Amino acid sequence: MATDEALRRALAEPVEADASVRQVPAPVSFEKLPAIGAPQKPVETASTGLLEIEQLTFANGVKAMLWPVAEEPGRVMVKARFGGGYRSIDPKDAAYITLGNYALVGSGLATLGQDDLDRISTGRKMGFNFEVQDASFEFSAETRPQDLADQLYLFAAKLDLPRWDPQPIARAKAAAAIQYATFSTSPQGVLSRDLQYYQRGKDPRFATPTPDQLEATTPEGFKRVWGKALKEGPVEVQIFGDFDKASAIAALERTFGALKSRQPAPVTAAAARINTLPPRTSRSI
């Protein structure tokens, strides 16, 4: 039975941290990451005729658009569009679209997991946004000239050297299930949950997955759906902002130019239609 004296003695005893609880992370650096492939120079360089935007084409089919401008010093916008977007996802795999929004980046690349991605970008200006669009997928980031080459590596390595850590997928399933329960608590939540689904003719790819649908997903299914999406369809890189063009081209040759040739992205379902309400006719009273 606990007493005041026993409690006093327990509090007075020295406390030592348990070193076995926290793992010491291995150091990470871009220099230690695997190369994507042999660097390849562009096979074609052409002016777009718009402002000073130049387009490069590589032998693997990747296209890159460059627009070096100095209006915003130290700022560079990078986008990488690839694949077929919603139209390339089979409707029966619709729940994996939501999980991809949550977990595709966090599942890692090359030798980097989610924690490693956070650590390797510490003290630098880098990003890794992901978006599913109607006819393509998109990575985007705002970076700076000195981090541009490594930013391009992250995007290209996600396409060529994806990692499939199941933990971010498990967290995504839990988060999506919890969020689903909150949608019905307000009119705005119901609109967020259902509006796109009805606007797109009840296309399941635009539906918010239910907890049961989320529970039916697996890490293996996630890898099957998103592994296919990452390797199929054309790739277009856009780099706009304050950067040195020669350095950017050299970085593209080592990253996107070194990718393997892409496979076509077949459209697995008809394009989702957008339903609109008929015009309301005025009636005289």
Protein backbone atom coordinates (compact mmCIF):
# COMPACT_ATOMS: atom_id res chain seq x y z
CA MET A 1 0.00 0.00 0.00
CA ALA A 2 1.40 3.38 -0.99
CA THR A 3 2.30 5.81 1.76
CA ASP A 4 3.46 9.41 1.83
CA GLU A 5 6.96 8.25 2.74
CA ALA A 6 7.09 5.72 -0.15
CA LEU A 7 6.00 8.44 -2.57
CA ARG A 8 8.66 10.81 -1.20
CA ARG A 9 11.41 8.20 -1.67
CA ALA A 10 10.23 7.39 -5.20
CA LEU A 11 10.31 11.04 -6.22
CA ALA A 12 13.76 11.51 -4.70
CA GLU A 13 15.37 8.70 -6.69
CA PRO A 14 17.54 9.79 -9.67
CA VAL A 15 15.96 9.44 -13.09
CA GLU A 16 17.89 8.31 -16.14
CA ALA A 17 16.63 8.46 -19.72
CA ASP A 18 16.04 5.12 -21.44
CA ALA A 19 18.28 5.28 -24.50
CA SER A 20 16.57 2.26 -26.06
CA VAL A 21 13.26 4.12 -26.56
CA ARG A 22 14.42 6.52 -29.25
CA GLN A 23 16.25 5.28 -32.33
CA VAL A 24 19.23 7.26 -33.53
CA PRO A 25 18.44 8.12 -37.15
CA ALA A 26 21.06 7.42 -39.76
CA PRO A 27 22.46 10.54 -41.44
CA VAL A 28 20.85 11.43 -44.76
CA SER A 29 22.19 13.49 -47.64
CA PHE A 30 21.53 13.84 -51.32
CA GLU A 31 25.09 12.77 -52.07
CA LYS A 32 24.35 9.28 -50.71
CA LEU A 33 21.13 8.73 -52.67
CA PRO A 34 21.17 6.40 -55.69
CA ALA A 35 21.43 7.88 -59.16
CA ILE A 36 18.27 7.77 -61.23
CA GLY A 37 20.12 6.69 -64.35
CA ALA A 38 22.75 7.80 -66.82
CA PRO A 39 22.49 11.55 -67.52
CA GLN A 40 21.02 12.33 -70.92
CA LYS A 41 21.19 15.59 -72.85
CA PRO A 42 18.04 16.96 -74.50
CA VAL A 43 17.57 15.89 -78.10
CA GLU A 44 15.66 19.03 -79.02
CA THR A 45 15.56 22.60 -77.80
CA ALA A 46 12.98 25.03 -79.13
CA SER A 47 11.44 28.37 -78.32
CA THR A 48 7.74 28.29 -77.53
CA GLY A 49 7.26 31.74 -79.03
CA LEU A 50 5.71 32.92 -75.75
CA LEU A 51 7.79 35.41 -73.79
CA GLU A 52 11.22 33.75 -73.34
CA ILE A 53 9.95 30.28 -72.47
CA GLU A 54 12.06 27.48 -73.91
CA GLN A 55 11.08 23.82 -74.28
CA LEU A 56 13.49 20.91 -74.02
CA THR A 57 12.69 17.39 -75.19
CA PHE A 58 14.60 14.35 -73.97
CA ALA A 59 14.98 10.98 -75.70
CA ASN A 60 12.73 9.31 -73.10
CA GLY A 61 9.87 11.63 -74.06
CA VAL A 62 10.12 13.99 -71.09
CA LYS A 63 9.51 17.63 -71.94
CA ALA A 64 10.72 20.55 -69.83
CA MET A 65 9.68 24.18 -70.06
CA LEU A 66 12.11 26.78 -68.70
CA TRP A 67 11.41 30.44 -68.03
CA PRO A 68 14.21 32.17 -66.10
CA VAL A 69 12.96 35.54 -64.81
CA ALA A 70 14.34 37.69 -62.01
CA GLU A 71 11.20 39.58 -60.96
CA GLU A 72 11.10 37.64 -57.67
CA PRO A 73 14.72 37.09 -56.60
CA GLY A 74 15.43 33.77 -54.87
CA ARG A 75 12.10 32.17 -55.81
CA VAL A 76 11.68 29.24 -58.21
CA MET A 77 8.43 27.40 -58.97
CA VAL A 78 8.72 23.77 -60.06
CA LYS A 79 5.93 21.54 -61.36
CA ALA A 80 6.08 18.01 -62.74
CA ARG A 81 2.95 16.74 -64.48
CA PHE A 82 2.72 13.06 -65.33
CA GLY A 83 0.32 10.23 -66.01
CA GLY A 84 -3.38 10.29 -66.76
CA GLY A 85 -5.01 11.68 -63.62
CA TYR A 86 -8.52 10.65 -62.61
CA ARG A 87 -9.16 9.19 -66.06
CA SER A 88 -6.39 6.62 -65.65
CA ILE A 89 -7.68 5.25 -62.34
CA ASP A 90 -10.12 2.37 -62.57
CA PRO A 91 -13.39 3.31 -60.79
CA LYS A 92 -13.16 0.16 -58.66
CA ASP A 93 -9.92 1.54 -57.21
CA ALA A 94 -11.46 4.92 -56.36
CA ALA A 95 -10.69 4.71 -52.62
CA TYR A 96 -6.96 4.69 -53.42
CA ILE A 97 -7.24 8.21 -54.87
CA THR A 98 -8.01 9.60 -51.42
CA LEU A 99 -5.22 7.54 -49.86
CA GLY A 100 -2.83 8.78 -52.54
CA ASN A 101 -3.58 12.39 -51.64
CA TYR A 102 -2.69 11.59 -48.04
CA ALA A 103 0.15 9.08 -48.35
CA LEU A 104 1.81 8.90 -51.78
CA VAL A 105 4.56 11.38 -50.94
CA GLY A 106 4.92 10.11 -47.36
CA SER A 107 5.41 6.51 -48.52
CA GLY A 108 8.90 7.59 -49.55
CA LEU A 109 11.37 7.34 -52.42
CA ALA A 110 14.75 5.71 -52.99
CA THR A 111 16.15 5.16 -49.46
CA LEU A 112 14.10 7.97 -47.86
CA GLY A 113 11.05 7.46 -45.68
CA GLN A 114 8.73 10.21 -44.47
CA ASP A 115 10.97 11.21 -41.55
CA ASP A 116 14.02 11.19 -43.83
CA LEU A 117 12.27 13.52 -46.28
CA ASP A 118 11.64 15.96 -43.45
CA ARG A 119 15.23 15.79 -42.24
CA ILE A 120 16.88 16.06 -45.65
CA SER A 121 15.00 19.31 -46.36
CA THR A 122 15.62 20.89 -42.96
CA GLY A 123 17.11 24.37 -43.31
CA ARG A 124 16.33 24.45 -47.02
CA LYS A 125 13.45 25.76 -49.10
CA MET A 126 11.88 22.67 -50.64
CA GLY A 127 8.39 21.26 -51.02
CA PHE A 128 6.50 18.19 -52.19
CA ASN A 129 2.86 18.92 -52.96
CA PHE A 130 0.77 16.34 -54.80
CA GLU A 131 -2.50 16.83 -56.68
CA VAL A 132 -4.75 14.58 -58.73
CA GLN A 133 -6.16 16.40 -61.77
CA ASP A 134 -8.65 15.31 -64.43
CA ALA A 135 -6.03 14.24 -66.98
CA SER A 136 -2.74 14.27 -65.07
CA PHE A 137 -1.07 14.02 -61.69
CA GLU A 138 1.13 16.87 -60.45
CA PHE A 139 4.03 17.37 -58.07
CA SER A 140 4.75 21.00 -57.23
CA ALA A 141 7.03 23.01 -54.98
CA GLU A 142 8.42 26.45 -54.38
CA THR A 143 12.17 26.37 -53.95
CA ARG A 144 15.25 28.56 -54.42
CA PRO A 145 18.09 28.47 -56.98
CA GLN A 146 20.57 26.64 -54.72
CA ASP A 147 18.03 23.90 -53.91
CA LEU A 148 16.61 23.45 -57.43
CA ALA A 149 18.74 20.45 -58.43
CA ASP A 150 17.80 18.49 -55.30
CA GLN A 151 14.15 19.44 -55.69
CA LEU A 152 14.18 17.99 -59.20
CA TYR A 153 15.79 14.81 -57.86
CA LEU A 154 12.97 14.30 -55.34
CA PHE A 155 10.30 14.54 -58.02
CA ALA A 156 12.12 12.33 -60.54
CA ALA A 157 13.07 9.74 -57.92
CA LYS A 158 9.46 9.43 -56.82
CA LEU A 159 8.62 8.40 -60.39
CA ASP A 160 11.57 6.04 -60.90
CA LEU A 161 12.52 4.86 -57.39
CA PRO A 162 9.29 4.85 -55.37
CA ARG A 163 9.23 3.41 -51.88
CA TRP A 164 6.15 1.75 -50.36
CA ASP A 165 6.26 2.27 -46.61
CA PRO A 166 2.96 0.87 -45.24
CA GLN A 167 2.89 3.11 -42.16
CA PRO A 168 1.82 6.35 -43.94
CA ILE A 169 -0.92 4.32 -45.66
CA ALA A 170 -2.22 3.04 -42.31
CA ARG A 171 -2.20 6.58 -40.93
CA ALA A 172 -3.99 7.84 -44.05
CA LYS A 173 -6.74 5.22 -43.66
CA ALA A 174 -7.28 6.22 -40.03
CA ALA A 175 -7.29 9.95 -40.79
CA ALA A 176 -9.70 9.59 -43.72
CA ALA A 177 -12.09 7.45 -41.64
CA ILE A 178 -12.09 10.00 -38.80
CA GLN A 179 -12.66 12.86 -41.23
CA TYR A 180 -15.58 11.02 -42.86
CA ALA A 181 -17.36 10.91 -39.51
CA THR A 182 -17.19 14.71 -39.22
CA PHE A 183 -18.69 15.49 -42.64
CA SER A 184 -22.30 14.90 -41.56
CA THR A 185 -22.04 17.38 -38.67
CA SER A 186 -22.66 20.45 -40.83
CA PRO A 187 -24.13 21.45 -44.21
CA GLN A 188 -20.68 22.56 -45.35
CA GLY A 189 -19.29 19.15 -44.47
CA VAL A 190 -21.96 17.38 -46.50
CA LEU A 191 -21.15 19.59 -49.49
CA SER A 192 -17.44 18.83 -49.14
CA ARG A 193 -18.22 15.13 -49.00
CA ASP A 194 -20.77 14.79 -51.82
CA LEU A 195 -20.77 17.79 -54.17
CA GLN A 196 -18.12 16.60 -56.63
CA TYR A 197 -19.68 13.14 -56.72
CA TYR A 198 -23.03 14.50 -57.89
CA GLN A 199 -21.48 17.13 -60.14
CA ARG A 200 -19.53 14.39 -61.93
CA GLY A 201 -22.53 12.18 -62.63
CA LYS A 202 -22.00 9.95 -59.56
CA ASP A 203 -18.59 8.87 -60.84
CA PRO A 204 -17.10 6.81 -57.98
CA ARG A 205 -13.66 8.32 -58.59
CA PHE A 206 -15.01 11.63 -57.24
CA ALA A 207 -16.80 10.14 -54.24
CA THR A 208 -15.49 10.42 -50.69
CA PRO A 209 -14.72 6.82 -49.66
CA THR A 210 -16.69 5.44 -46.73
CA PRO A 211 -14.97 3.85 -43.72
CA ASP A 212 -15.90 0.40 -45.08
CA GLN A 213 -14.33 1.20 -48.46
CA LEU A 214 -11.21 2.48 -46.73
CA GLU A 215 -10.99 -0.62 -44.57
CA ALA A 216 -11.05 -2.79 -47.71
CA THR A 217 -7.88 -1.14 -49.06
CA THR A 218 -4.46 -2.70 -48.49
CA PRO A 219 -0.81 -1.63 -48.82
CA GLU A 220 -0.51 -4.11 -51.68
CA GLY A 221 -3.45 -2.52 -53.46
CA PHE A 222 -1.97 0.93 -52.87
CA LYS A 223 1.30 -0.15 -54.48
CA ARG A 224 -0.54 -1.74 -57.42
CA VAL A 225 -2.59 1.38 -58.20
CA TRP A 226 0.02 4.05 -57.57
CA GLY A 227 2.99 2.06 -58.87
CA LYS A 228 1.16 1.88 -62.19
CA ALA A 229 0.26 5.58 -62.10
CA LEU A 230 3.86 6.65 -61.40
CA LYS A 231 5.36 4.82 -64.38
CA GLU A 232 2.72 5.53 -67.04
CA GLY A 233 1.94 8.55 -69.21
CA PRO A 234 3.91 11.55 -70.41
CA VAL A 235 5.98 13.79 -68.15
CA GLU A 236 6.23 17.57 -68.42
CA VAL A 237 8.42 19.62 -66.10
CA GLN A 238 7.95 23.37 -65.66
CA ILE A 239 10.58 25.58 -64.04
CA PHE A 240 9.77 29.27 -63.72
CA GLY A 241 11.57 31.92 -61.70
CA ASP A 242 15.00 33.05 -60.58
CA PHE A 243 17.44 30.33 -61.69
CA ASP A 244 20.46 29.81 -63.89
CA LYS A 245 19.36 28.10 -67.10
CA ALA A 246 22.57 26.15 -67.68
CA SER A 247 22.53 24.77 -64.14
CA ALA A 248 18.86 23.85 -64.44
CA ILE A 249 19.45 21.98 -67.71
CA ALA A 250 22.36 20.07 -66.14
CA ALA A 251 20.10 19.10 -63.22
CA LEU A 252 17.35 17.98 -65.61
CA GLU A 253 19.84 15.80 -67.51
CA ARG A 254 20.72 13.98 -64.25
CA THR A 255 17.10 13.57 -63.11
CA PHE A 256 14.19 13.66 -65.52
CA GLY A 257 16.38 13.15 -68.57
CA ALA A 258 17.76 9.99 -66.94
CA LEU A 259 14.33 8.39 -66.42
CA LYS A 260 13.42 5.23 -68.29
CA SER A 261 11.07 5.65 -71.24
CA ARG A 262 7.49 6.02 -70.11
CA GLN A 263 4.68 3.60 -70.79
CA PRO A 264 1.43 4.91 -72.30
CA ALA A 265 -1.31 5.77 -69.81
CA PRO A 266 -4.48 4.03 -71.01
CA VAL A 267 -7.81 5.60 -70.13
CA THR A 268 -9.50 2.90 -68.05
CA ALA A 269 -12.89 4.62 -67.88
CA ALA A 270 -14.85 7.21 -69.80
CA ALA A 271 -14.16 10.83 -69.01
CA ALA A 272 -16.27 11.92 -66.08
CA ARG A 273 -19.06 14.17 -67.20
CA ILE A 274 -20.01 17.30 -65.29
CA ASN A 275 -23.71 17.61 -64.63
CA THR A 276 -25.21 21.07 -64.63
CA LEU A 277 -28.65 22.15 -63.50
CA PRO A 278 -31.07 23.32 -66.21
CA PRO A 279 -31.65 27.08 -66.31
CA ARG A 280 -34.48 28.22 -64.12
CA THR A 281 -37.25 29.96 -66.02
CA SER A 282 -38.89 33.00 -64.47
CA ARG A 283 -42.58 32.78 -63.82
CA SER A 284 -44.86 35.74 -63.54
CA ILE A 285 -47.08 35.95 -60.47
